[in-house]
């Protein structure tokens, strides 16, 4: 809306982290490739949780 203040961004100042850059790059991929990346992340995170 016009006249509505924008929410302030919270978080760290400075250069974007490598992970954030990768997330932004994945967002630009076609949905099928995004799903592939998501499945890989699920697998890695699941394995990391078993330790």
PDB file of N, CA and C in Angstrom:
ATOM      1  N   UNK A   1       0.827  -1.183   0.000  1.00  0.00           N
ATOM      2  CA  UNK A   1       0.000   0.000   0.000  1.00  0.00           C
ATOM      3  C   UNK A   1       0.871   1.246   0.000  1.00  0.00           C
ATOM      4  N   UNK A   2       0.308   2.261  -0.522  1.00  0.00           N
ATOM      5  CA  UNK A   2       1.017   3.533  -0.537  1.00  0.00           C
ATOM      6  C   UNK A   2       0.985   4.113   0.872  1.00  0.00           C
ATOM      7  N   UNK A   3       2.106   4.596   1.316  1.00  0.00           N
ATOM      8  CA  UNK A   3       2.178   5.192   2.637  1.00  0.00           C
ATOM      9  C   UNK A   3       2.451   4.209   3.755  1.00  0.00           C
ATOM     10  N   UNK A   4       2.456   2.916   3.447  1.00  0.00           N
ATOM     11  CA  UNK A   4       2.747   1.907   4.455  1.00  0.00           C
ATOM     12  C   UNK A   4       4.256   1.747   4.544  1.00  0.00           C
ATOM     13  N   UNK A   5       4.816   1.896   5.729  1.00  0.00           N
ATOM     14  CA  UNK A   5       6.271   1.747   5.839  1.00  0.00           C
ATOM     15  C   UNK A   5       6.706   0.320   5.547  1.00  0.00           C
ATOM     16  N   UNK A   6       7.841   0.200   4.889  1.00  0.00           N
ATOM     17  CA  UNK A   6       8.383  -1.120   4.596  1.00  0.00           C
ATOM     18  C   UNK A   6       9.009  -1.702   5.856  1.00  0.00           C
ATOM     19  N   UNK A   7       8.905  -3.020   6.046  1.00  0.00           N
ATOM     20  CA  UNK A   7       9.553  -3.623   7.215  1.00  0.00           C
ATOM     21  C   UNK A   7      11.066  -3.492   7.105  1.00  0.00           C
ATOM     22  N   UNK A   8      11.707  -3.256   8.232  1.00  0.00           N
ATOM     23  CA  UNK A   8      13.160  -3.131   8.239  1.00  0.00           C
ATOM     24  C   UNK A   8      13.780  -4.507   8.123  1.00  0.00           C
ATOM     25  N   UNK A   9      14.841  -4.578   7.351  1.00  0.00           N
ATOM     26  CA  UNK A   9      15.555  -5.848   7.214  1.00  0.00           C
ATOM     27  C   UNK A   9      16.368  -6.086   8.461  1.00  0.00           C
ATOM     28  N   UNK A  10      16.284  -7.282   8.954  1.00  0.00           N
ATOM     29  CA  UNK A  10      17.076  -7.659  10.120  1.00  0.00           C
ATOM     30  C   UNK A  10      18.134  -8.646   9.675  1.00  0.00           C
ATOM     31  N   UNK A  11      19.169  -8.729  10.443  1.00  0.00           N
ATOM     32  CA  UNK A  11      20.216  -9.687  10.127  1.00  0.00           C
ATOM     33  C   UNK A  11      21.563  -9.009  10.061  1.00  0.00           C
ATOM     34  N   UNK A  12      22.522  -9.799   9.634  1.00  0.00           N
ATOM     35  CA  UNK A  12      23.895  -9.302   9.586  1.00  0.00           C
ATOM     36  C   UNK A  12      24.055  -8.295   8.460  1.00  0.00           C
ATOM     37  N   UNK A  13      24.944  -7.364   8.698  1.00  0.00           N
ATOM     38  CA  UNK A  13      25.353  -6.467   7.633  1.00  0.00           C
ATOM     39  C   UNK A  13      26.622  -7.032   7.031  1.00  0.00           C
ATOM     40  N   UNK A  14      26.928  -6.604   5.849  1.00  0.00           N
ATOM     41  CA  UNK A  14      28.153  -7.070   5.225  1.00  0.00           C
ATOM     42  C   UNK A  14      27.856  -7.952   4.033  1.00  0.00           C
ATOM     43  N   UNK A  15      28.876  -8.608   3.546  1.00  0.00           N
ATOM     44  CA  UNK A  15      28.703  -9.422   2.339  1.00  0.00           C
ATOM     45  C   UNK A  15      27.765 -10.603   2.580  1.00  0.00           C
ATOM     46  N   UNK A  16      27.089 -10.980   1.515  1.00  0.00           N
ATOM     47  CA  UNK A  16      26.182 -12.116   1.563  1.00  0.00           C
ATOM     48  C   UNK A  16      26.977 -13.401   1.746  1.00  0.00           C
ATOM     49  N   UNK A  17      26.492 -14.281   2.612  1.00  0.00           N
ATOM     50  CA  UNK A  17      27.194 -15.541   2.851  1.00  0.00           C
ATOM     51  C   UNK A  17      27.144 -16.425   1.610  1.00  0.00           C
ATOM     52  N   UNK A  18      28.081 -17.336   1.545  1.00  0.00           N
ATOM     53  CA  UNK A  18      28.122 -18.272   0.410  1.00  0.00           C
ATOM     54  C   UNK A  18      26.835 -19.082   0.350  1.00  0.00           C
ATOM     55  N   UNK A  19      26.330 -19.511   1.503  1.00  0.00           N
ATOM     56  CA  UNK A  19      25.090 -20.288   1.525  1.00  0.00           C
ATOM     57  C   UNK A  19      23.930 -19.461   0.977  1.00  0.00           C
ATOM     58  N   UNK A  20      23.838 -18.207   1.371  1.00  0.00           N
ATOM     59  CA  UNK A  20      22.758 -17.350   0.878  1.00  0.00           C
ATOM     60  C   UNK A  20      22.872 -17.151  -0.629  1.00  0.00           C
ATOM     61  N   UNK A  21      24.083 -16.999  -1.127  1.00  0.00           N
ATOM     62  CA  UNK A  21      24.291 -16.859  -2.571  1.00  0.00           C
ATOM     63  C   UNK A  21      23.849 -18.126  -3.299  1.00  0.00           C
ATOM     64  N   UNK A  22      24.149 -19.284  -2.704  1.00  0.00           N
ATOM     65  CA  UNK A  22      23.747 -20.552  -3.318  1.00  0.00           C
ATOM     66  C   UNK A  22      22.231 -20.693  -3.319  1.00  0.00           C
ATOM     67  N   UNK A  23      21.587 -20.309  -2.225  1.00  0.00           N
ATOM     68  CA  UNK A  23      20.127 -20.384  -2.149  1.00  0.00           C
ATOM     69  C   UNK A  23      19.508 -19.508  -3.233  1.00  0.00           C
ATOM     70  N   UNK A  24      20.040 -18.310  -3.390  1.00  0.00           N
ATOM     71  CA  UNK A  24      19.519 -17.408  -4.414  1.00  0.00           C
ATOM     72  C   UNK A  24      19.730 -17.980  -5.813  1.00  0.00           C
ATOM     73  N   UNK A  25      20.851 -18.661  -6.036  1.00  0.00           N
ATOM     74  CA  UNK A  25      21.108 -19.278  -7.338  1.00  0.00           C
ATOM     75  C   UNK A  25      20.134 -20.428  -7.586  1.00  0.00           C
ATOM     76  N   UNK A  26      19.856 -21.218  -6.557  1.00  0.00           N
ATOM     77  CA  UNK A  26      18.922 -22.341  -6.689  1.00  0.00           C
ATOM     78  C   UNK A  26      17.520 -21.817  -7.004  1.00  0.00           C
ATOM     79  N   UNK A  27      17.157 -20.687  -6.411  1.00  0.00           N
ATOM     80  CA  UNK A  27      15.836 -20.104  -6.670  1.00  0.00           C
ATOM     81  C   UNK A  27      15.645 -19.747  -8.136  1.00  0.00           C
ATOM     82  N   UNK A  28      16.739 -19.535  -8.858  1.00  0.00           N
ATOM     83  CA  UNK A  28      16.663 -19.177 -10.272  1.00  0.00           C
ATOM     84  C   UNK A  28      16.568 -20.401 -11.189  1.00  0.00           C
ATOM     85  N   UNK A  29      16.797 -21.590 -10.632  1.00  0.00           N
ATOM     86  CA  UNK A  29      16.747 -22.820 -11.426  1.00  0.00           C
ATOM     87  C   UNK A  29      15.304 -23.212 -11.725  1.00  0.00           C
ATOM     88  N   UNK A  30      15.117 -24.039 -12.766  1.00  0.00           N
ATOM     89  CA  UNK A  30      13.783 -24.600 -13.009  1.00  0.00           C
ATOM     90  C   UNK A  30      13.340 -25.456 -11.818  1.00  0.00           C
ATOM     91  N   UNK A  31      12.033 -25.590 -11.652  1.00  0.00           N
ATOM     92  CA  UNK A  31      11.477 -26.308 -10.494  1.00  0.00           C
ATOM     93  C   UNK A  31      12.028 -27.726 -10.371  1.00  0.00           C
ATOM     94  N   UNK A  32      12.218 -28.422 -11.477  1.00  0.00           N
ATOM     95  CA  UNK A  32      12.713 -29.803 -11.394  1.00  0.00           C
ATOM     96  C   UNK A  32      14.115 -29.846 -10.795  1.00  0.00           C
ATOM     97  N   UNK A  33      14.948 -28.876 -11.152  1.00  0.00           N
ATOM     98  CA  UNK A  33      16.299 -28.841 -10.595  1.00  0.00           C
ATOM     99  C   UNK A  33      16.267 -28.394  -9.137  1.00  0.00           C
ATOM    100  N   UNK A  34      15.339 -27.502  -8.783  1.00  0.00           N
ATOM    101  CA  UNK A  34      15.182 -27.103  -7.389  1.00  0.00           C
ATOM    102  C   UNK A  34      14.795 -28.316  -6.540  1.00  0.00           C
ATOM    103  N   UNK A  35      13.919 -29.154  -7.062  1.00  0.00           N
ATOM    104  CA  UNK A  35      13.503 -30.344  -6.331  1.00  0.00           C
ATOM    105  C   UNK A  35      14.676 -31.295  -6.143  1.00  0.00           C
ATOM    106  N   UNK A  36      15.518 -31.426  -7.158  1.00  0.00           N
ATOM    107  CA  UNK A  36      16.693 -32.284  -7.063  1.00  0.00           C
ATOM    108  C   UNK A  36      17.626 -31.791  -5.957  1.00  0.00           C
ATOM    109  N   UNK A  37      17.887 -30.485  -5.921  1.00  0.00           N
ATOM    110  CA  UNK A  37      18.748 -29.904  -4.892  1.00  0.00           C
ATOM    111  C   UNK A  37      18.128 -30.123  -3.517  1.00  0.00           C
ATOM    112  N   UNK A  38      16.828 -29.952  -3.420  1.00  0.00           N
ATOM    113  CA  UNK A  38      16.133 -30.132  -2.154  1.00  0.00           C
ATOM    114  C   UNK A  38      16.253 -31.577  -1.663  1.00  0.00           C
ATOM    115  N   UNK A  39      16.126 -32.532  -2.558  1.00  0.00           N
ATOM    116  CA  UNK A  39      16.263 -33.944  -2.178  1.00  0.00           C
ATOM    117  C   UNK A  39      17.685 -34.233  -1.702  1.00  0.00           C
ATOM    118  N   UNK A  40      18.664 -33.655  -2.366  1.00  0.00           N
ATOM    119  CA  UNK A  40      20.057 -33.857  -1.945  1.00  0.00           C
ATOM    120  C   UNK A  40      20.272 -33.288  -0.550  1.00  0.00           C
ATOM    121  N   UNK A  41      19.742 -32.094  -0.296  1.00  0.00           N
ATOM    122  CA  UNK A  41      19.865 -31.487   1.027  1.00  0.00           C
ATOM    123  C   UNK A  41      19.184 -32.341   2.090  1.00  0.00           C
ATOM    124  N   UNK A  42      18.000 -32.847   1.774  1.00  0.00           N
ATOM    125  CA  UNK A  42      17.297 -33.724   2.719  1.00  0.00           C
ATOM    126  C   UNK A  42      18.154 -34.923   3.085  1.00  0.00           C
ATOM    127  N   UNK A  43      18.787 -35.522   2.082  1.00  0.00           N
ATOM    128  CA  UNK A  43      19.627 -36.698   2.303  1.00  0.00           C
ATOM    129  C   UNK A  43      20.815 -36.355   3.196  1.00  0.00           C
ATOM    130  N   UNK A  44      21.488 -35.259   2.897  1.00  0.00           N
ATOM    131  CA  UNK A  44      22.662 -34.862   3.680  1.00  0.00           C
ATOM    132  C   UNK A  44      22.257 -34.542   5.117  1.00  0.00           C
ATOM    133  N   UNK A  45      21.179 -33.799   5.285  1.00  0.00           N
ATOM    134  CA  UNK A  45      20.734 -33.434   6.630  1.00  0.00           C
ATOM    135  C   UNK A  45      20.266 -34.649   7.420  1.00  0.00           C
ATOM    136  N   UNK A  46      19.637 -35.582   6.742  1.00  0.00           N
ATOM    137  CA  UNK A  46      19.206 -36.818   7.413  1.00  0.00           C
ATOM    138  C   UNK A  46      20.419 -37.603   7.885  1.00  0.00           C
ATOM    139  N   UNK A  47      21.437 -37.720   7.038  1.00  0.00           N
ATOM    140  CA  UNK A  47      22.648 -38.440   7.419  1.00  0.00           C
ATOM    141  C   UNK A  47      23.365 -37.737   8.557  1.00  0.00           C
ATOM    142  N   UNK A  48      23.380 -36.426   8.544  1.00  0.00           N
ATOM    143  CA  UNK A  48      24.051 -35.656   9.599  1.00  0.00           C
ATOM    144  C   UNK A  48      23.333 -35.852  10.931  1.00  0.00           C
ATOM    145  N   UNK A  49      22.032 -36.046  10.903  1.00  0.00           N
ATOM    146  CA  UNK A  49      21.254 -36.227  12.119  1.00  0.00           C
ATOM    147  C   UNK A  49      21.433 -37.600  12.730  1.00  0.00           C
ATOM    148  N   UNK A  50      21.984 -38.535  11.993  1.00  0.00           N
ATOM    149  CA  UNK A  50      22.148 -39.915  12.498  1.00  0.00           C
ATOM    150  C   UNK A  50      23.413 -40.077  13.296  1.00  0.00           C
ATOM    151  N   UNK A  51      24.240 -39.064  13.374  1.00  0.00           N
ATOM    152  CA  UNK A  51      25.521 -39.186  14.095  1.00  0.00           C
ATOM    153  C   UNK A  51      25.331 -39.054  15.572  1.00  0.00           C
TER     154      UNK A  51
END
